[in-house]
C-alpha atoms as a PDB file:
ATOM      1  CA  MET A   1      30.864 155.383  83.060  1.00  0.00           C
ATOM      2  CA  LYS A   2      32.176 151.833  82.814  1.00  0.00           C
ATOM      3  CA  LYS A   3      35.846 151.269  82.082  1.00  0.00           C
ATOM      4  CA  LEU A   4      37.351 148.707  79.745  1.00  0.00           C
ATOM      5  CA  VAL A   5      41.036 147.890  80.128  1.00  0.00           C
ATOM      6  CA  LYS A   6      43.005 145.923  77.541  1.00  0.00           C
ATOM      7  CA  PHE A   7      46.133 144.222  78.855  1.00  0.00           C
ATOM      8  CA  SER A   8      48.688 143.260  76.229  1.00  0.00           C
ATOM      9  CA  LYS A   9      52.394 143.077  75.365  1.00  0.00           C
ATOM     10  CA  PRO A  10      54.033 144.481  72.221  1.00  0.00           C
ATOM     11  CA  ASN A  11      55.963 141.259  71.517  1.00  0.00           C
ATOM     12  CA  CYS A  12      52.871 139.050  71.791  1.00  0.00           C
ATOM     13  CA  PRO A  13      51.740 137.850  68.339  1.00  0.00           C
ATOM     14  CA  HIS A  14      48.142 137.429  69.523  1.00  0.00           C
ATOM     15  CA  CYS A  15      48.167 141.014  70.799  1.00  0.00           C
ATOM     16  CA  VAL A  16      49.460 142.333  67.469  1.00  0.00           C
ATOM     17  CA  ILE A  17      46.652 140.542  65.621  1.00  0.00           C
ATOM     18  CA  PHE A  18      44.047 141.535  68.198  1.00  0.00           C
ATOM     19  CA  ASP A  19      44.892 145.243  68.442  1.00  0.00           C
ATOM     20  CA  PRO A  20      43.298 146.496  65.183  1.00  0.00           C
ATOM     21  CA  ILE A  21      40.251 144.276  65.733  1.00  0.00           C
ATOM     22  CA  PHE A  22      39.851 145.646  69.256  1.00  0.00           C
ATOM     23  CA  LYS A  23      40.217 149.256  68.118  1.00  0.00           C
ATOM     24  CA  ARG A  24      37.700 148.816  65.304  1.00  0.00           C
ATOM     25  CA  GLU A  25      35.073 147.213  67.543  1.00  0.00           C
ATOM     26  CA  VAL A  26      35.590 149.607  70.444  1.00  0.00           C
ATOM     27  CA  GLU A  27      35.179 152.567  68.102  1.00  0.00           C
ATOM     28  CA  LYS A  28      31.652 151.320  67.326  1.00  0.00           C
ATOM     29  CA  LEU A  29      30.789 151.340  71.032  1.00  0.00           C
ATOM     30  CA  ASN A  30      32.832 154.275  72.320  1.00  0.00           C
ATOM     31  CA  ASP A  31      29.866 155.957  73.967  1.00  0.00           C
ATOM     32  CA  LYS A  32      29.306 152.959  76.275  1.00  0.00           C
ATOM     33  CA  PHE A  33      32.618 153.028  78.141  1.00  0.00           C
ATOM     34  CA  GLU A  34      36.069 154.543  78.511  1.00  0.00           C
ATOM     35  CA  THR A  35      38.931 152.411  77.242  1.00  0.00           C
ATOM     36  CA  PHE A  36      42.460 152.073  78.561  1.00  0.00           C
ATOM     37  CA  GLU A  37      45.410 150.031  77.352  1.00  0.00           C
ATOM     38  CA  VAL A  38      48.100 148.601  79.618  1.00  0.00           C
ATOM     39  CA  ASP A  39      51.384 147.125  78.412  1.00  0.00           C
ATOM     40  CA  ILE A  40      52.083 144.473  81.047  1.00  0.00           C
ATOM     41  CA  SER A  41      55.740 144.345  80.079  1.00  0.00           C
ATOM     42  CA  GLU A  42      55.948 147.869  81.520  1.00  0.00           C
ATOM     43  CA  ALA A  43      53.845 146.998  84.568  1.00  0.00           C
ATOM     44  CA  PRO A  44      54.478 143.295  85.308  1.00  0.00           C
ATOM     45  CA  HIS A  45      53.137 143.587  88.852  1.00  0.00           C
ATOM     46  CA  LEU A  46      49.634 143.940  87.366  1.00  0.00           C
ATOM     47  CA  ILE A  47      49.743 140.330  86.184  1.00  0.00           C
ATOM     48  CA  GLU A  48      49.399 139.167  89.768  1.00  0.00           C
ATOM     49  CA  VAL A  49      47.125 141.995  90.876  1.00  0.00           C
ATOM     50  CA  PHE A  50      44.534 141.162  88.203  1.00  0.00           C
ATOM     51  CA  ASN A  51      45.324 137.435  87.943  1.00  0.00           C
ATOM     52  CA  ILE A  52      46.028 137.759  84.231  1.00  0.00           C
ATOM     53  CA  LYS A  53      46.260 134.288  82.684  1.00  0.00           C
ATOM     54  CA  GLY A  54      47.098 135.400  79.152  1.00  0.00           C
ATOM     55  CA  VAL A  55      47.094 138.338  76.804  1.00  0.00           C
ATOM     56  CA  PRO A  56      45.416 140.037  75.152  1.00  0.00           C
ATOM     57  CA  ALA A  57      42.856 140.276  77.916  1.00  0.00           C
ATOM     58  CA  LEU A  58      39.970 142.660  78.490  1.00  0.00           C
ATOM     59  CA  TYR A  59      38.663 143.568  81.895  1.00  0.00           C
ATOM     60  CA  LYS A  60      35.566 145.545  82.792  1.00  0.00           C
ATOM     61  CA  PHE A  61      35.659 147.880  85.787  1.00  0.00           C
ATOM     62  CA  GLU A  62      32.530 149.246  87.407  1.00  0.00           C
ATOM     63  CA  SER A  63      34.406 151.352  89.951  1.00  0.00           C
ATOM     64  CA  ASP A  64      35.155 154.958  89.004  1.00  0.00           C
ATOM     65  CA  ASP A  65      38.411 154.981  90.946  1.00  0.00           C
ATOM     66  CA  PHE A  66      39.745 151.499  90.024  1.00  0.00           C
ATOM     67  CA  LYS A  67      40.049 150.761  93.740  1.00  0.00           C
ATOM     68  CA  ASN A  68      37.133 148.383  94.170  1.00  0.00           C
ATOM     69  CA  PHE A  69      38.640 145.211  92.725  1.00  0.00           C
ATOM     70  CA  THR A  70      35.599 143.149  93.708  1.00  0.00           C
ATOM     71  CA  GLU A  71      33.784 144.604  90.715  1.00  0.00           C
ATOM     72  CA  ILE A  72      36.351 143.564  88.104  1.00  0.00           C
ATOM     73  CA  GLU A  73      35.218 141.175  85.440  1.00  0.00           C
ATOM     74  CA  GLN A  74      37.441 139.550  82.842  1.00  0.00           C
ATOM     75  CA  ILE A  75      35.372 139.497  79.692  1.00  0.00           C
ATOM     76  CA  PHE A  76      37.741 138.274  77.024  1.00  0.00           C
ATOM     77  CA  ILE A  77      41.066 136.606  76.397  1.00  0.00           C
ATOM     78  CA  GLY A  78      42.116 136.461  72.767  1.00  0.00           C
ATOM     79  CA  HIS A  79      44.328 133.538  71.922  1.00  0.00           C
ATOM     80  CA  SER A  80      42.886 132.454  68.599  1.00  0.00           C
ATOM     81  CA  HIS A  81      41.192 133.807  65.530  1.00  0.00           C
ATOM     82  CA  GLU A  82      38.016 131.998  66.582  1.00  0.00           C
ATOM     83  CA  GLY A  83      38.034 133.951  69.832  1.00  0.00           C
ATOM     84  CA  TYR A  84      38.300 137.288  68.045  1.00  0.00           C
ATOM     85  CA  LYS A  85      34.927 136.836  66.373  1.00  0.00           C
ATOM     86  CA  ASP A  86      33.365 136.769  69.846  1.00  0.00           C
ATOM     87  CA  LEU A  87      34.801 140.174  70.733  1.00  0.00           C
ATOM     88  CA  LEU A  88      31.793 142.195  69.631  1.00  0.00           C
ATOM     89  CA  ASP A  89      29.434 139.917  71.558  1.00  0.00           C
ATOM     90  CA  SER A  90      31.657 140.292  74.631  1.00  0.00           C
ATOM     91  CA  LEU A  91      31.717 144.073  74.291  1.00  0.00           C
ATOM     92  CA  ASN A  92      27.956 144.258  73.814  1.00  0.00           C
ATOM     93  CA  THR A  93      27.453 142.563  77.182  1.00  0.00           C
ATOM     94  CA  ILE A  94      29.112 145.460  78.979  1.00  0.00           C
END
Protein backbone atom coordinates (compact mmCIF):
# COMPACT_ATOMS: atom_id res chain seq x y z
CA MET A 1 0.00 0.00 0.00
CA LYS A 2 1.22 3.50 -0.81
CA LYS A 3 2.17 5.82 2.03
CA LEU A 4 1.37 9.50 2.34
CA VAL A 5 3.38 11.56 4.82
CA LYS A 6 2.39 15.06 5.89
CA PHE A 7 5.22 17.19 7.24
CA SER A 8 4.17 20.16 9.35
CA LYS A 9 4.92 22.25 12.44
CA PRO A 10 2.44 23.16 15.19
CA ASN A 11 3.41 26.86 15.16
CA CYS A 12 3.00 27.19 11.38
CA PRO A 13 -0.18 29.14 10.52
CA HIS A 14 -0.45 27.44 7.12
CA CYS A 15 -0.24 24.05 8.82
CA VAL A 16 -3.00 24.96 11.28
CA ILE A 17 -5.28 25.98 8.40
CA PHE A 18 -4.30 22.99 6.29
CA ASP A 19 -4.71 20.28 8.94
CA PRO A 20 -8.53 19.99 8.99
CA ILE A 21 -8.68 20.23 5.20
CA PHE A 22 -6.09 17.47 4.89
CA LYS A 23 -7.88 15.22 7.38
CA ARG A 24 -11.24 15.70 5.67
CA GLU A 25 -9.90 14.92 2.20
CA VAL A 26 -7.75 11.99 3.32
CA GLU A 27 -10.74 10.44 5.08
CA LYS A 28 -12.50 10.27 1.69
CA LEU A 29 -9.58 8.31 0.23
CA ASN A 30 -8.40 6.29 3.22
CA ASP A 31 -8.56 2.98 1.38
CA LYS A 32 -5.97 4.16 -1.18
CA PHE A 33 -3.03 4.72 1.17
CA GLU A 34 -1.73 4.82 4.72
CA THR A 35 -1.17 8.28 6.16
CA PHE A 36 1.48 9.48 8.57
CA GLU A 37 2.11 12.88 10.12
CA VAL A 38 5.54 14.20 11.06
CA ASP A 39 6.16 17.29 13.19
CA ILE A 40 9.45 18.59 11.77
CA SER A 41 10.07 20.65 14.88
CA GLU A 42 10.51 17.31 16.66
CA ALA A 43 12.59 15.82 13.85
CA PRO A 44 14.45 18.73 12.20
CA HIS A 45 16.97 16.42 10.54
CA LEU A 46 14.18 15.29 8.18
CA ILE A 47 14.12 18.72 6.56
CA GLU A 48 17.44 17.98 4.91
CA VAL A 49 16.78 14.28 4.36
CA PHE A 50 13.62 14.98 2.35
CA ASN A 51 14.67 18.41 1.03
CA ILE A 52 11.59 20.03 2.54
CA LYS A 53 11.22 23.56 1.17
CA GLY A 54 8.15 24.53 3.18
CA VAL A 55 5.32 23.18 5.26
CA PRO A 56 2.76 21.81 5.15
CA ALA A 57 4.12 19.35 2.63
CA LEU A 58 2.87 15.98 1.45
CA TYR A 59 5.11 13.25 0.18
CA LYS A 60 4.17 9.97 -1.45
CA PHE A 61 6.24 6.87 -0.73
CA GLU A 62 6.08 3.76 -2.87
CA SER A 63 8.52 1.80 -0.73
CA ASP A 64 7.05 -0.37 2.03
CA ASP A 65 10.04 0.17 4.30
CA PHE A 66 10.66 3.91 3.68
CA LYS A 67 14.24 3.05 2.76
CA ASN A 68 14.08 3.53 -0.99
CA PHE A 69 14.22 7.32 -1.19
CA THR A 70 14.42 7.26 -4.98
CA GLU A 71 10.69 6.60 -5.05
CA ILE A 72 9.67 9.63 -2.99
CA GLU A 73 7.49 12.19 -4.66
CA GLN A 74 6.50 15.54 -3.19
CA ILE A 75 2.92 16.04 -4.25
CA PHE A 76 1.83 19.16 -2.44
CA ILE A 77 3.02 22.17 -0.51
CA GLY A 78 0.27 24.28 1.02
CA HIS A 79 1.16 27.91 1.41
CA SER A 80 -2.06 29.58 0.33
CA HIS A 81 -5.78 29.09 0.32
CA GLU A 82 -5.64 28.73 -3.46
CA GLY A 83 -3.28 25.80 -3.06
CA TYR A 84 -5.61 24.01 -0.66
CA LYS A 85 -8.30 23.64 -3.31
CA ASP A 86 -5.84 21.56 -5.33
CA LEU A 87 -5.37 19.07 -2.50
CA LEU A 88 -8.06 16.65 -3.63
CA ASP A 89 -6.70 16.64 -7.18
CA SER A 90 -3.21 15.98 -5.80
CA LEU A 91 -4.47 13.13 -3.63
CA ASN A 92 -6.42 11.59 -6.49
CA THR A 93 -3.22 11.30 -8.52
CA ILE A 94 -1.73 8.92 -5.97
